[in-house]
Each structure stands twice: as C-alpha cells, then as structure tokens.
C-alpha cells in the first residue's frame, strides 16, 4: 500500500486547508485510516481517524470542532479539512493505515507540511 499526502502550505491563523491522502496498491484489508502530525521537537500525535468504509470518524480533543476527516470511497482518498487553524497546528501531517482494530498504524506517507502563522 502506498500513501501520498498532499495539500499542506502556509496559512494565517484562522484560515483553512484541506489535506489529501491518496491510497494506492493493495487496499483490501485496510481497517481504518488515520492522520497524525509531528511538530518540531515533539512526538508524533494522533489527529483523526476514519474507518475504511468512510464512517466512524474520531478526533483528538485538540482538533474537535475544527477538523473534519472524510473519505471518497471511489477515489480511495482520505481528506482532512482543517478550519480555524492555530499556530499550534503547525506540523508535518502524515496519513497512515491500520489493518485491524488492534493493529498499529503503518505505511506512513511522506507527510505534508502545514505552517500556521500568527
């Protein structure tokens, strides 16, 4: 499975961005998809996840009400709509897939940089 994240950029605080994660290759067996982020000097953290069928979204408390995860099933693409961005959202954002409810996330994409200026 290959994951290609895109859509990052520079935005002012309060602005919006939409990240995309294109999934290709052998997609059968994917249980869920997740977005994670890693800010400079910090550990990678969970942002949001969604079941492969495009249901059951979950969010980190820090992004609830501002970010929305969704999936275009025919395109096998997962999106992260980010609104009301804050400087603390600045990070490299990665998408990853999980093969089961008790599996770890893997097949990390290359990441896309989001920079939010104050």
Protein backbone atom coordinates (compact mmCIF):
# COMPACT_ATOMS: atom_id res chain seq x y z
CA UNK A 1 0.00 0.00 0.00
CA UNK A 2 1.29 3.46 -0.90
CA UNK A 3 0.06 6.63 0.75
CA UNK A 4 0.56 10.06 -0.80
CA UNK A 5 -0.23 13.03 1.40
CA UNK A 6 -0.62 16.50 -0.07
CA UNK A 7 -2.28 19.84 0.48
CA UNK A 8 -0.07 21.42 3.08
CA UNK A 9 1.09 25.00 2.94
CA UNK A 10 1.40 28.31 4.72
CA UNK A 11 -1.78 29.86 6.10
CA UNK A 12 -2.61 32.60 8.56
CA UNK A 13 -4.23 31.82 11.88
CA UNK A 14 -7.96 31.39 11.42
CA UNK A 15 -7.52 30.10 7.90
CA UNK A 16 -8.28 26.72 6.36
CA UNK A 17 -6.52 23.97 4.47
CA UNK A 18 -7.61 20.61 3.12
CA UNK A 19 -5.15 17.75 3.18
CA UNK A 20 -5.50 14.74 0.91
CA UNK A 21 -4.16 11.22 1.28
CA UNK A 22 -4.31 9.12 -1.85
CA UNK A 23 -4.18 5.40 -1.18
CA UNK A 24 -2.96 3.04 -3.88
CA UNK A 25 -1.88 -0.54 -4.18
CA UNK A 26 -3.46 -3.44 -2.37
CA UNK A 27 -6.17 -1.70 -0.39
CA UNK A 28 -8.12 -4.76 0.64
CA UNK A 29 -7.73 -5.49 4.30
CA UNK A 30 -7.39 -1.85 5.36
CA UNK A 31 -9.37 -1.36 8.54
CA UNK A 32 -9.02 2.36 9.05
CA UNK A 33 -7.03 5.41 8.03
CA UNK A 34 -5.52 7.98 10.30
CA UNK A 35 -3.97 11.42 10.22
CA UNK A 36 -1.12 12.18 12.56
CA UNK A 37 1.14 15.18 12.98
CA UNK A 38 4.58 15.92 14.31
CA UNK A 39 5.65 19.38 15.34
CA UNK A 40 9.34 20.31 15.62
CA UNK A 41 10.84 18.81 18.75
CA UNK A 42 7.68 16.95 19.64
CA UNK A 43 6.45 13.40 19.36
CA UNK A 44 4.07 12.38 16.64
CA UNK A 45 0.46 12.64 17.77
CA UNK A 46 -2.87 11.34 16.63
CA UNK A 47 -5.16 13.83 14.88
CA UNK A 48 -8.09 11.92 13.40
CA UNK A 49 -9.13 8.57 12.02
CA UNK A 50 -11.89 7.08 9.93
CA UNK A 51 -12.94 3.56 9.04
CA UNK A 52 -12.00 2.42 5.55
CA UNK A 53 -15.68 2.47 4.62
CA UNK A 54 -15.71 6.17 5.42
CA UNK A 55 -17.63 6.01 8.68
CA UNK A 56 -16.91 6.35 12.40
CA UNK A 57 -14.65 9.41 12.49
CA UNK A 58 -12.59 10.01 15.60
CA UNK A 59 -10.69 13.14 16.60
CA UNK A 60 -8.10 14.29 19.06
CA UNK A 61 -9.57 16.70 21.57
CA UNK A 62 -7.29 19.44 20.30
CA UNK A 63 -8.92 19.46 16.86
CA UNK A 64 -12.54 18.57 17.62
CA UNK A 65 -14.92 21.07 16.09
CA UNK A 66 -12.23 22.46 13.77
CA UNK A 67 -11.06 19.48 11.71
CA UNK A 68 -13.15 17.05 9.69
CA UNK A 69 -11.92 13.74 8.31
CA UNK A 70 -13.71 12.18 5.37
CA UNK A 71 -13.16 9.60 2.65
CA UNK A 72 -14.01 9.50 -1.02
CA UNK A 73 -14.59 5.80 -1.44
CA UNK A 74 -14.42 5.58 -5.26
CA UNK A 75 -11.16 7.53 -5.24
CA UNK A 76 -9.65 5.78 -2.18
CA UNK A 77 -8.69 9.21 -0.90
CA UNK A 78 -8.92 10.43 2.66
CA UNK A 79 -9.27 14.12 3.38
CA UNK A 80 -8.62 16.27 6.41
CA UNK A 81 -10.44 19.57 6.28
CA UNK A 82 -8.81 21.93 8.74
CA UNK A 83 -10.62 25.12 9.72
CA UNK A 84 -9.82 27.84 12.22
CA UNK A 85 -6.17 26.89 12.13
CA UNK A 86 -3.95 27.92 15.01
CA UNK A 87 -0.17 28.36 15.22
CA UNK A 88 -0.03 25.25 17.40
CA UNK A 89 -1.37 23.24 14.45
CA UNK A 90 1.96 23.81 12.68
CA UNK A 91 3.45 20.39 11.97
CA UNK A 92 4.18 17.81 9.35
CA UNK A 93 0.98 15.88 8.79
CA UNK A 94 1.12 12.19 7.93
CA UNK A 95 -1.51 9.71 6.88
CA UNK A 96 -1.28 6.04 7.73
CA UNK A 97 -3.36 2.93 7.53
CA UNK A 98 -4.27 0.22 10.00
CA UNK A 99 -5.15 -3.36 9.13
CA UNK A 100 -7.14 -4.16 12.26
CA UNK A 101 -8.62 -2.63 15.37
CA UNK A 102 -5.67 -3.88 17.43
CA UNK A 103 -3.01 -3.21 14.82
CA UNK A 104 -0.57 -0.37 14.79
CA UNK A 105 -0.71 2.24 12.08
CA UNK A 106 1.77 1.72 9.27
CA UNK A 107 2.68 2.52 5.69
CA UNK A 108 3.27 6.12 6.59
CA UNK A 109 3.22 8.55 3.72
CA UNK A 110 5.93 11.15 3.25
CA UNK A 111 4.00 13.83 5.09
CA UNK A 112 2.92 17.31 4.14
CA UNK A 113 3.98 20.45 5.98
CA UNK A 114 1.37 22.77 7.46
CA UNK A 115 2.58 26.12 8.75
CA UNK A 116 0.19 28.46 10.51
CA UNK A 117 1.40 32.00 11.07
CA UNK A 118 0.07 34.19 13.87
